[in-house]
């Protein structure tokens, strides 16, 4: 379990490197005005580091109690990676 948590969290930290310019570029969605969709897009991208920190802390805390719950909580930030990875591949 320790190895799983460590490797996924290393992946999350590595994904923070391309996240920063993508987050900066996401503000260009406001070029045509401020709308709910634009704000939700920027907030969804900006929430990734917060999700990484919170889920990592919770996963390590849950590791002693329930390994299955710890693994599920630790995989929540993977939703961002998979969703935006598919978005960049398909578009």
PDB file of N, CA and C in Angstrom:
ATOM      1  N   UNK A   1       0.814  -1.195   0.000  1.00  0.00           N
ATOM      2  CA  UNK A   1       0.000   0.000   0.000  1.00  0.00           C
ATOM      3  C   UNK A   1       0.856   1.256   0.000  1.00  0.00           C
ATOM      4  N   UNK A   2       1.956   1.197   0.767  1.00  0.00           N
ATOM      5  CA  UNK A   2       2.832   2.361   0.823  1.00  0.00           C
ATOM      6  C   UNK A   2       3.393   2.693  -0.557  1.00  0.00           C
ATOM      7  N   UNK A   3       3.801   1.659  -1.275  1.00  0.00           N
ATOM      8  CA  UNK A   3       4.386   1.878  -2.601  1.00  0.00           C
ATOM      9  C   UNK A   3       3.352   2.472  -3.546  1.00  0.00           C
ATOM     10  N   UNK A   4       2.112   2.007  -3.474  1.00  0.00           N
ATOM     11  CA  UNK A   4       1.043   2.553  -4.311  1.00  0.00           C
ATOM     12  C   UNK A   4       0.819   4.030  -4.018  1.00  0.00           C
ATOM     13  N   UNK A   5       0.733   4.388  -2.749  1.00  0.00           N
ATOM     14  CA  UNK A   5       0.519   5.786  -2.382  1.00  0.00           C
ATOM     15  C   UNK A   5       1.685   6.656  -2.835  1.00  0.00           C
ATOM     16  N   UNK A   6       2.887   6.185  -2.629  1.00  0.00           N
ATOM     17  CA  UNK A   6       4.060   6.981  -2.989  1.00  0.00           C
ATOM     18  C   UNK A   6       4.144   7.177  -4.501  1.00  0.00           C
ATOM     19  N   UNK A   7       3.945   6.114  -5.279  1.00  0.00           N
ATOM     20  CA  UNK A   7       4.070   6.250  -6.735  1.00  0.00           C
ATOM     21  C   UNK A   7       2.970   7.120  -7.328  1.00  0.00           C
ATOM     22  N   UNK A   8       1.746   6.973  -6.861  1.00  0.00           N
ATOM     23  CA  UNK A   8       0.685   7.830  -7.402  1.00  0.00           C
ATOM     24  C   UNK A   8       0.892   9.284  -7.010  1.00  0.00           C
ATOM     25  N   UNK A   9       1.392   9.525  -5.817  1.00  0.00           N
ATOM     26  CA  UNK A   9       1.604  10.906  -5.409  1.00  0.00           C
ATOM     27  C   UNK A   9       2.809  11.523  -6.110  1.00  0.00           C
ATOM     28  N   UNK A  10       3.793  10.721  -6.472  1.00  0.00           N
ATOM     29  CA  UNK A  10       4.887  11.235  -7.300  1.00  0.00           C
ATOM     30  C   UNK A  10       4.345  11.618  -8.676  1.00  0.00           C
ATOM     31  N   UNK A  11       3.458  10.789  -9.211  1.00  0.00           N
ATOM     32  CA  UNK A  11       2.824  11.116 -10.493  1.00  0.00           C
ATOM     33  C   UNK A  11       2.047  12.424 -10.395  1.00  0.00           C
ATOM     34  N   UNK A  12       1.339  12.625  -9.291  1.00  0.00           N
ATOM     35  CA  UNK A  12       0.576  13.853  -9.110  1.00  0.00           C
ATOM     36  C   UNK A  12       1.494  15.077  -9.068  1.00  0.00           C
ATOM     37  N   UNK A  13       2.623  14.959  -8.402  1.00  0.00           N
ATOM     38  CA  UNK A  13       3.569  16.076  -8.325  1.00  0.00           C
ATOM     39  C   UNK A  13       4.184  16.351  -9.697  1.00  0.00           C
ATOM     40  N   UNK A  14       4.492  15.295 -10.439  1.00  0.00           N
ATOM     41  CA  UNK A  14       5.036  15.473 -11.789  1.00  0.00           C
ATOM     42  C   UNK A  14       4.005  16.158 -12.684  1.00  0.00           C
ATOM     43  N   UNK A  15       2.748  15.835 -12.506  1.00  0.00           N
ATOM     44  CA  UNK A  15       1.691  16.457 -13.307  1.00  0.00           C
ATOM     45  C   UNK A  15       1.444  17.913 -12.920  1.00  0.00           C
ATOM     46  N   UNK A  16       1.974  18.347 -11.795  1.00  0.00           N
ATOM     47  CA  UNK A  16       1.852  19.759 -11.437  1.00  0.00           C
ATOM     48  C   UNK A  16       2.710  20.646 -12.334  1.00  0.00           C
ATOM     49  N   UNK A  17       3.762  20.084 -12.920  1.00  0.00           N
ATOM     50  CA  UNK A  17       4.639  20.869 -13.796  1.00  0.00           C
ATOM     51  C   UNK A  17       3.878  21.363 -15.025  1.00  0.00           C
ATOM     52  N   UNK A  18       3.205  20.493 -15.802  1.00  0.00           N
ATOM     53  CA  UNK A  18       2.433  21.026 -16.920  1.00  0.00           C
ATOM     54  C   UNK A  18       1.131  21.712 -16.487  1.00  0.00           C
ATOM     55  N   UNK A  19       0.692  21.445 -15.262  1.00  0.00           N
ATOM     56  CA  UNK A  19      -0.546  22.074 -14.787  1.00  0.00           C
ATOM     57  C   UNK A  19      -0.402  23.591 -14.701  1.00  0.00           C
ATOM     58  N   UNK A  20       0.743  24.082 -14.256  1.00  0.00           N
ATOM     59  CA  UNK A  20       0.914  25.519 -14.048  1.00  0.00           C
ATOM     60  C   UNK A  20       0.707  26.326 -15.325  1.00  0.00           C
ATOM     61  N   UNK A  21       1.360  26.008 -16.444  1.00  0.00           N
ATOM     62  CA  UNK A  21       1.069  26.798 -17.651  1.00  0.00           C
ATOM     63  C   UNK A  21      -0.351  26.602 -18.164  1.00  0.00           C
ATOM     64  N   UNK A  22      -0.890  25.400 -18.003  1.00  0.00           N
ATOM     65  CA  UNK A  22      -2.272  25.173 -18.442  1.00  0.00           C
ATOM     66  C   UNK A  22      -3.227  26.014 -17.616  1.00  0.00           C
ATOM     67  N   UNK A  23      -2.968  26.099 -16.326  1.00  0.00           N
ATOM     68  CA  UNK A  23      -3.809  26.930 -15.464  1.00  0.00           C
ATOM     69  C   UNK A  23      -3.690  28.404 -15.861  1.00  0.00           C
ATOM     70  N   UNK A  24      -2.485  28.842 -16.145  1.00  0.00           N
ATOM     71  CA  UNK A  24      -2.300  30.230 -16.582  1.00  0.00           C
ATOM     72  C   UNK A  24      -3.006  30.517 -17.895  1.00  0.00           C
ATOM     73  N   UNK A  25      -2.927  29.579 -18.820  1.00  0.00           N
ATOM     74  CA  UNK A  25      -3.596  29.764 -20.113  1.00  0.00           C
ATOM     75  C   UNK A  25      -5.109  29.652 -20.012  1.00  0.00           C
ATOM     76  N   UNK A  26      -5.604  28.993 -18.981  1.00  0.00           N
ATOM     77  CA  UNK A  26      -7.054  28.830 -18.850  1.00  0.00           C
ATOM     78  C   UNK A  26      -7.752  30.172 -18.625  1.00  0.00           C
ATOM     79  N   UNK A  27      -7.024  31.165 -18.145  1.00  0.00           N
ATOM     80  CA  UNK A  27      -7.630  32.484 -17.942  1.00  0.00           C
ATOM     81  C   UNK A  27      -7.939  33.179 -19.263  1.00  0.00           C
ATOM     82  N   UNK A  28      -7.393  32.676 -20.348  1.00  0.00           N
ATOM     83  CA  UNK A  28      -7.710  33.237 -21.661  1.00  0.00           C
ATOM     84  C   UNK A  28      -9.156  32.945 -22.049  1.00  0.00           C
ATOM     85  N   UNK A  29      -9.807  32.042 -21.346  1.00  0.00           N
ATOM     86  CA  UNK A  29     -11.211  31.766 -21.641  1.00  0.00           C
ATOM     87  C   UNK A  29     -12.091  32.960 -21.300  1.00  0.00           C
ATOM     88  N   UNK A  30     -11.550  33.901 -20.536  1.00  0.00           N
ATOM     89  CA  UNK A  30     -12.312  35.104 -20.187  1.00  0.00           C
ATOM     90  C   UNK A  30     -12.170  36.206 -21.231  1.00  0.00           C
ATOM     91  N   UNK A  31     -11.492  35.944 -22.350  1.00  0.00           N
ATOM     92  CA  UNK A  31     -11.285  36.970 -23.369  1.00  0.00           C
ATOM     93  C   UNK A  31     -12.592  37.480 -23.971  1.00  0.00           C
ATOM     94  N   UNK A  32     -13.589  36.627 -24.072  1.00  0.00           N
ATOM     95  CA  UNK A  32     -14.868  37.036 -24.645  1.00  0.00           C
ATOM     96  C   UNK A  32     -15.901  37.378 -23.585  1.00  0.00           C
ATOM     97  N   UNK A  33     -15.471  37.558 -22.366  1.00  0.00           N
ATOM     98  CA  UNK A  33     -16.383  37.910 -21.290  1.00  0.00           C
ATOM     99  C   UNK A  33     -16.387  36.864 -20.193  1.00  0.00           C
ATOM    100  N   UNK A  34     -16.976  37.258 -19.075  1.00  0.00           N
ATOM    101  CA  UNK A  34     -17.037  36.370 -17.921  1.00  0.00           C
ATOM    102  C   UNK A  34     -18.407  35.687 -17.915  1.00  0.00           C
ATOM    103  N   UNK A  35     -18.377  34.374 -18.013  1.00  0.00           N
ATOM    104  CA  UNK A  35     -19.593  33.579 -18.001  1.00  0.00           C
ATOM    105  C   UNK A  35     -19.427  32.449 -16.987  1.00  0.00           C
ATOM    106  N   UNK A  36     -20.523  31.792 -16.657  1.00  0.00           N
ATOM    107  CA  UNK A  36     -20.472  30.701 -15.685  1.00  0.00           C
ATOM    108  C   UNK A  36     -19.609  29.558 -16.197  1.00  0.00           C
ATOM    109  N   UNK A  37     -19.714  29.249 -17.474  1.00  0.00           N
ATOM    110  CA  UNK A  37     -18.927  28.163 -18.050  1.00  0.00           C
ATOM    111  C   UNK A  37     -17.431  28.440 -17.974  1.00  0.00           C
ATOM    112  N   UNK A  38     -17.038  29.691 -18.236  1.00  0.00           N
ATOM    113  CA  UNK A  38     -15.618  30.067 -18.155  1.00  0.00           C
ATOM    114  C   UNK A  38     -15.115  29.926 -16.721  1.00  0.00           C
ATOM    115  N   UNK A  39     -15.905  30.423 -15.796  1.00  0.00           N
ATOM    116  CA  UNK A  39     -15.506  30.359 -14.390  1.00  0.00           C
ATOM    117  C   UNK A  39     -15.396  28.921 -13.914  1.00  0.00           C
ATOM    118  N   UNK A  40     -16.338  28.066 -14.307  1.00  0.00           N
ATOM    119  CA  UNK A  40     -16.291  26.662 -13.914  1.00  0.00           C
ATOM    120  C   UNK A  40     -15.072  25.973 -14.511  1.00  0.00           C
ATOM    121  N   UNK A  41     -14.719  26.321 -15.744  1.00  0.00           N
ATOM    122  CA  UNK A  41     -13.547  25.748 -16.398  1.00  0.00           C
ATOM    123  C   UNK A  41     -12.271  26.101 -15.642  1.00  0.00           C
ATOM    124  N   UNK A  42     -12.100  27.372 -15.300  1.00  0.00           N
ATOM    125  CA  UNK A  42     -10.902  27.813 -14.583  1.00  0.00           C
ATOM    126  C   UNK A  42     -10.874  27.223 -13.173  1.00  0.00           C
ATOM    127  N   UNK A  43     -12.006  27.184 -12.504  1.00  0.00           N
ATOM    128  CA  UNK A  43     -12.052  26.593 -11.164  1.00  0.00           C
ATOM    129  C   UNK A  43     -11.756  25.095 -11.183  1.00  0.00           C
ATOM    130  N   UNK A  44     -12.227  24.396 -12.205  1.00  0.00           N
ATOM    131  CA  UNK A  44     -11.955  22.958 -12.298  1.00  0.00           C
ATOM    132  C   UNK A  44     -10.466  22.697 -12.489  1.00  0.00           C
ATOM    133  N   UNK A  45      -9.827  23.501 -13.296  1.00  0.00           N
ATOM    134  CA  UNK A  45      -8.385  23.347 -13.499  1.00  0.00           C
ATOM    135  C   UNK A  45      -7.632  23.777 -12.246  1.00  0.00           C
ATOM    136  N   UNK A  46      -8.052  24.858 -11.626  1.00  0.00           N
ATOM    137  CA  UNK A  46      -7.377  25.362 -10.436  1.00  0.00           C
ATOM    138  C   UNK A  46      -7.555  24.494  -9.203  1.00  0.00           C
ATOM    139  N   UNK A  47      -8.537  23.617  -9.210  1.00  0.00           N
ATOM    140  CA  UNK A  47      -8.791  22.773  -8.046  1.00  0.00           C
ATOM    141  C   UNK A  47      -7.868  21.566  -7.965  1.00  0.00           C
ATOM    142  N   UNK A  48      -7.115  21.294  -9.023  1.00  0.00           N
ATOM    143  CA  UNK A  48      -6.268  20.100  -9.034  1.00  0.00           C
ATOM    144  C   UNK A  48      -5.249  20.070  -7.897  1.00  0.00           C
ATOM    145  N   UNK A  49      -4.447  21.121  -7.674  1.00  0.00           N
ATOM    146  CA  UNK A  49      -3.470  21.031  -6.578  1.00  0.00           C
ATOM    147  C   UNK A  49      -4.130  20.885  -5.209  1.00  0.00           C
ATOM    148  N   UNK A  50      -5.256  21.519  -5.035  1.00  0.00           N
ATOM    149  CA  UNK A  50      -5.989  21.402  -3.776  1.00  0.00           C
ATOM    150  C   UNK A  50      -6.468  19.966  -3.575  1.00  0.00           C
ATOM    151  N   UNK A  51      -6.960  19.356  -4.635  1.00  0.00           N
ATOM    152  CA  UNK A  51      -7.407  17.963  -4.553  1.00  0.00           C
ATOM    153  C   UNK A  51      -6.232  17.030  -4.263  1.00  0.00           C
ATOM    154  N   UNK A  52      -5.078  17.318  -4.854  1.00  0.00           N
ATOM    155  CA  UNK A  52      -3.892  16.487  -4.613  1.00  0.00           C
ATOM    156  C   UNK A  52      -3.495  16.535  -3.146  1.00  0.00           C
ATOM    157  N   UNK A  53      -3.446  17.718  -2.587  1.00  0.00           N
ATOM    158  CA  UNK A  53      -3.020  17.864  -1.195  1.00  0.00           C
ATOM    159  C   UNK A  53      -4.026  17.226  -0.241  1.00  0.00           C
ATOM    160  N   UNK A  54      -5.292  17.539  -0.411  1.00  0.00           N
ATOM    161  CA  UNK A  54      -6.316  17.025   0.496  1.00  0.00           C
ATOM    162  C   UNK A  54      -6.432  15.503   0.392  1.00  0.00           C
ATOM    163  N   UNK A  55      -6.458  14.976  -0.824  1.00  0.00           N
ATOM    164  CA  UNK A  55      -6.608  13.529  -0.994  1.00  0.00           C
ATOM    165  C   UNK A  55      -5.365  12.773  -0.532  1.00  0.00           C
ATOM    166  N   UNK A  56      -4.194  13.370  -0.698  1.00  0.00           N
ATOM    167  CA  UNK A  56      -2.979  12.709  -0.225  1.00  0.00           C
ATOM    168  C   UNK A  56      -2.970  12.611   1.295  1.00  0.00           C
ATOM    169  N   UNK A  57      -3.325  13.691   1.943  1.00  0.00           N
ATOM    170  CA  UNK A  57      -3.375  13.681   3.404  1.00  0.00           C
ATOM    171  C   UNK A  57      -4.404  12.670   3.900  1.00  0.00           C
ATOM    172  N   UNK A  58      -5.590  12.687   3.305  1.00  0.00           N
ATOM    173  CA  UNK A  58      -6.636  11.742   3.713  1.00  0.00           C
ATOM    174  C   UNK A  58      -6.243  10.293   3.443  1.00  0.00           C
ATOM    175  N   UNK A  59      -5.578  10.049   2.315  1.00  0.00           N
ATOM    176  CA  UNK A  59      -5.188   8.677   1.986  1.00  0.00           C
ATOM    177  C   UNK A  59      -4.182   8.139   2.994  1.00  0.00           C
ATOM    178  N   UNK A  60      -3.210   8.957   3.386  1.00  0.00           N
ATOM    179  CA  UNK A  60      -2.236   8.488   4.379  1.00  0.00           C
ATOM    180  C   UNK A  60      -2.895   8.301   5.738  1.00  0.00           C
ATOM    181  N   UNK A  61      -3.853   9.139   6.043  1.00  0.00           N
ATOM    182  CA  UNK A  61      -4.566   9.028   7.315  1.00  0.00           C
ATOM    183  C   UNK A  61      -5.440   7.768   7.338  1.00  0.00           C
ATOM    184  N   UNK A  62      -6.083   7.461   6.199  1.00  0.00           N
ATOM    185  CA  UNK A  62      -6.959   6.292   6.114  1.00  0.00           C
ATOM    186  C   UNK A  62      -6.185   4.988   5.933  1.00  0.00           C
ATOM    187  N   UNK A  63      -4.919   5.060   5.586  1.00  0.00           N
ATOM    188  CA  UNK A  63      -4.129   3.865   5.302  1.00  0.00           C
ATOM    189  C   UNK A  63      -4.131   2.879   6.460  1.00  0.00           C
ATOM    190  N   UNK A  64      -4.091   3.378   7.675  1.00  0.00           N
ATOM    191  CA  UNK A  64      -4.085   2.496   8.838  1.00  0.00           C
ATOM    192  C   UNK A  64      -5.436   1.877   9.135  1.00  0.00           C
ATOM    193  N   UNK A  65      -6.497   2.532   8.708  1.00  0.00           N
ATOM    194  CA  UNK A  65      -7.845   2.053   9.022  1.00  0.00           C
ATOM    195  C   UNK A  65      -8.413   1.151   7.936  1.00  0.00           C
ATOM    196  N   UNK A  66      -8.406   1.644   6.718  1.00  0.00           N
ATOM    197  CA  UNK A  66      -8.990   0.892   5.603  1.00  0.00           C
ATOM    198  C   UNK A  66      -8.163   1.152   4.349  1.00  0.00           C
ATOM    199  N   UNK A  67      -7.451   0.149   3.910  1.00  0.00           N
ATOM    200  CA  UNK A  67      -6.587   0.301   2.745  1.00  0.00           C
ATOM    201  C   UNK A  67      -7.396   0.545   1.476  1.00  0.00           C
ATOM    202  N   UNK A  68      -8.571  -0.040   1.391  1.00  0.00           N
ATOM    203  CA  UNK A  68      -9.413   0.154   0.204  1.00  0.00           C
ATOM    204  C   UNK A  68      -9.895   1.607   0.106  1.00  0.00           C
ATOM    205  N   UNK A  69     -10.349   2.169   1.213  1.00  0.00           N
ATOM    206  CA  UNK A  69     -10.792   3.568   1.213  1.00  0.00           C
ATOM    207  C   UNK A  69      -9.630   4.499   0.923  1.00  0.00           C
ATOM    208  N   UNK A  70      -8.465   4.175   1.448  1.00  0.00           N
ATOM    209  CA  UNK A  70      -7.283   4.990   1.192  1.00  0.00           C
ATOM    210  C   UNK A  70      -6.938   4.992  -0.290  1.00  0.00           C
ATOM    211  N   UNK A  71      -7.038   3.841  -0.940  1.00  0.00           N
ATOM    212  CA  UNK A  71      -6.744   3.756  -2.368  1.00  0.00           C
ATOM    213  C   UNK A  71      -7.764   4.537  -3.189  1.00  0.00           C
ATOM    214  N   UNK A  72      -9.024   4.452  -2.822  1.00  0.00           N
ATOM    215  CA  UNK A  72     -10.068   5.175  -3.551  1.00  0.00           C
ATOM    216  C   UNK A  72      -9.876   6.677  -3.403  1.00  0.00           C
ATOM    217  N   UNK A  73      -9.624   7.137  -2.194  1.00  0.00           N
ATOM    218  CA  UNK A  73      -9.415   8.569  -1.963  1.00  0.00           C
ATOM    219  C   UNK A  73      -8.168   9.046  -2.693  1.00  0.00           C
ATOM    220  N   UNK A  74      -7.135   8.233  -2.716  1.00  0.00           N
ATOM    221  CA  UNK A  74      -5.897   8.622  -3.375  1.00  0.00           C
ATOM    222  C   UNK A  74      -6.054   8.700  -4.893  1.00  0.00           C
ATOM    223  N   UNK A  75      -7.015   8.002  -5.464  1.00  0.00           N
ATOM    224  CA  UNK A  75      -7.221   8.021  -6.911  1.00  0.00           C
ATOM    225  C   UNK A  75      -8.122   9.159  -7.387  1.00  0.00           C
ATOM    226  N   UNK A  76      -8.684   9.943  -6.498  1.00  0.00           N
ATOM    227  CA  UNK A  76      -9.553  11.049  -6.910  1.00  0.00           C
ATOM    228  C   UNK A  76      -8.823  12.054  -7.799  1.00  0.00           C
ATOM    229  N   UNK A  77      -7.595  12.502  -7.481  1.00  0.00           N
ATOM    230  CA  UNK A  77      -6.916  13.425  -8.398  1.00  0.00           C
ATOM    231  C   UNK A  77      -6.613  12.815  -9.759  1.00  0.00           C
ATOM    232  N   UNK A  78      -6.633  11.501  -9.866  1.00  0.00           N
ATOM    233  CA  UNK A  78      -6.412  10.857 -11.162  1.00  0.00           C
ATOM    234  C   UNK A  78      -7.531  11.205 -12.134  1.00  0.00           C
ATOM    235  N   UNK A  79      -8.697  11.585 -11.629  1.00  0.00           N
ATOM    236  CA  UNK A  79      -9.801  11.998 -12.500  1.00  0.00           C
ATOM    237  C   UNK A  79      -9.405  13.211 -13.335  1.00  0.00           C
ATOM    238  N   UNK A  80      -8.683  14.155 -12.739  1.00  0.00           N
ATOM    239  CA  UNK A  80      -8.206  15.328 -13.474  1.00  0.00           C
ATOM    240  C   UNK A  80      -7.219  14.908 -14.562  1.00  0.00           C
ATOM    241  N   UNK A  81      -6.298  14.042 -14.219  1.00  0.00           N
ATOM    242  CA  UNK A  81      -5.267  13.622 -15.163  1.00  0.00           C
ATOM    243  C   UNK A  81      -5.894  12.901 -16.352  1.00  0.00           C
ATOM    244  N   UNK A  82      -6.795  11.982 -16.074  1.00  0.00           N
ATOM    245  CA  UNK A  82      -7.429  11.217 -17.146  1.00  0.00           C
ATOM    246  C   UNK A  82      -8.329  12.118 -17.991  1.00  0.00           C
ATOM    247  N   UNK A  83      -9.125  12.963 -17.353  1.00  0.00           N
ATOM    248  CA  UNK A  83     -10.056  13.820 -18.090  1.00  0.00           C
ATOM    249  C   UNK A  83      -9.324  14.799 -18.998  1.00  0.00           C
ATOM    250  N   UNK A  84      -8.335  15.493 -18.472  1.00  0.00           N
ATOM    251  CA  UNK A  84      -7.620  16.463 -19.296  1.00  0.00           C
ATOM    252  C   UNK A  84      -6.681  15.781 -20.276  1.00  0.00           C
ATOM    253  N   UNK A  85      -6.179  14.595 -19.930  1.00  0.00           N
ATOM    254  CA  UNK A  85      -5.374  13.830 -20.881  1.00  0.00           C
ATOM    255  C   UNK A  85      -6.201  13.416 -22.092  1.00  0.00           C
ATOM    256  N   UNK A  86      -7.401  12.915 -21.827  1.00  0.00           N
ATOM    257  CA  UNK A  86      -8.286  12.554 -22.934  1.00  0.00           C
ATOM    258  C   UNK A  86      -8.711  13.781 -23.740  1.00  0.00           C
ATOM    259  N   UNK A  87      -8.926  14.881 -23.067  1.00  0.00           N
ATOM    260  CA  UNK A  87      -9.302  16.111 -23.754  1.00  0.00           C
ATOM    261  C   UNK A  87      -8.219  16.559 -24.716  1.00  0.00           C
ATOM    262  N   UNK A  88      -6.972  16.492 -24.289  1.00  0.00           N
ATOM    263  CA  UNK A  88      -5.856  16.921 -25.147  1.00  0.00           C
ATOM    264  C   UNK A  88      -5.606  15.922 -26.265  1.00  0.00           C
ATOM    265  N   UNK A  89      -5.853  14.643 -26.009  1.00  0.00           N
ATOM    266  CA  UNK A  89      -5.645  13.643 -27.056  1.00  0.00           C
ATOM    267  C   UNK A  89      -6.742  13.719 -28.118  1.00  0.00           C
ATOM    268  N   UNK A  90      -7.980  13.914 -27.688  1.00  0.00           N
ATOM    269  CA  UNK A  90      -9.103  13.904 -28.622  1.00  0.00           C
ATOM    270  C   UNK A  90      -9.298  15.215 -29.364  1.00  0.00           C
ATOM    271  N   UNK A  91      -8.819  16.308 -28.812  1.00  0.00           N
ATOM    272  CA  UNK A  91      -9.050  17.608 -29.468  1.00  0.00           C
ATOM    273  C   UNK A  91      -7.866  18.065 -30.223  1.00  0.00           C
TER     274      UNK A  91
END
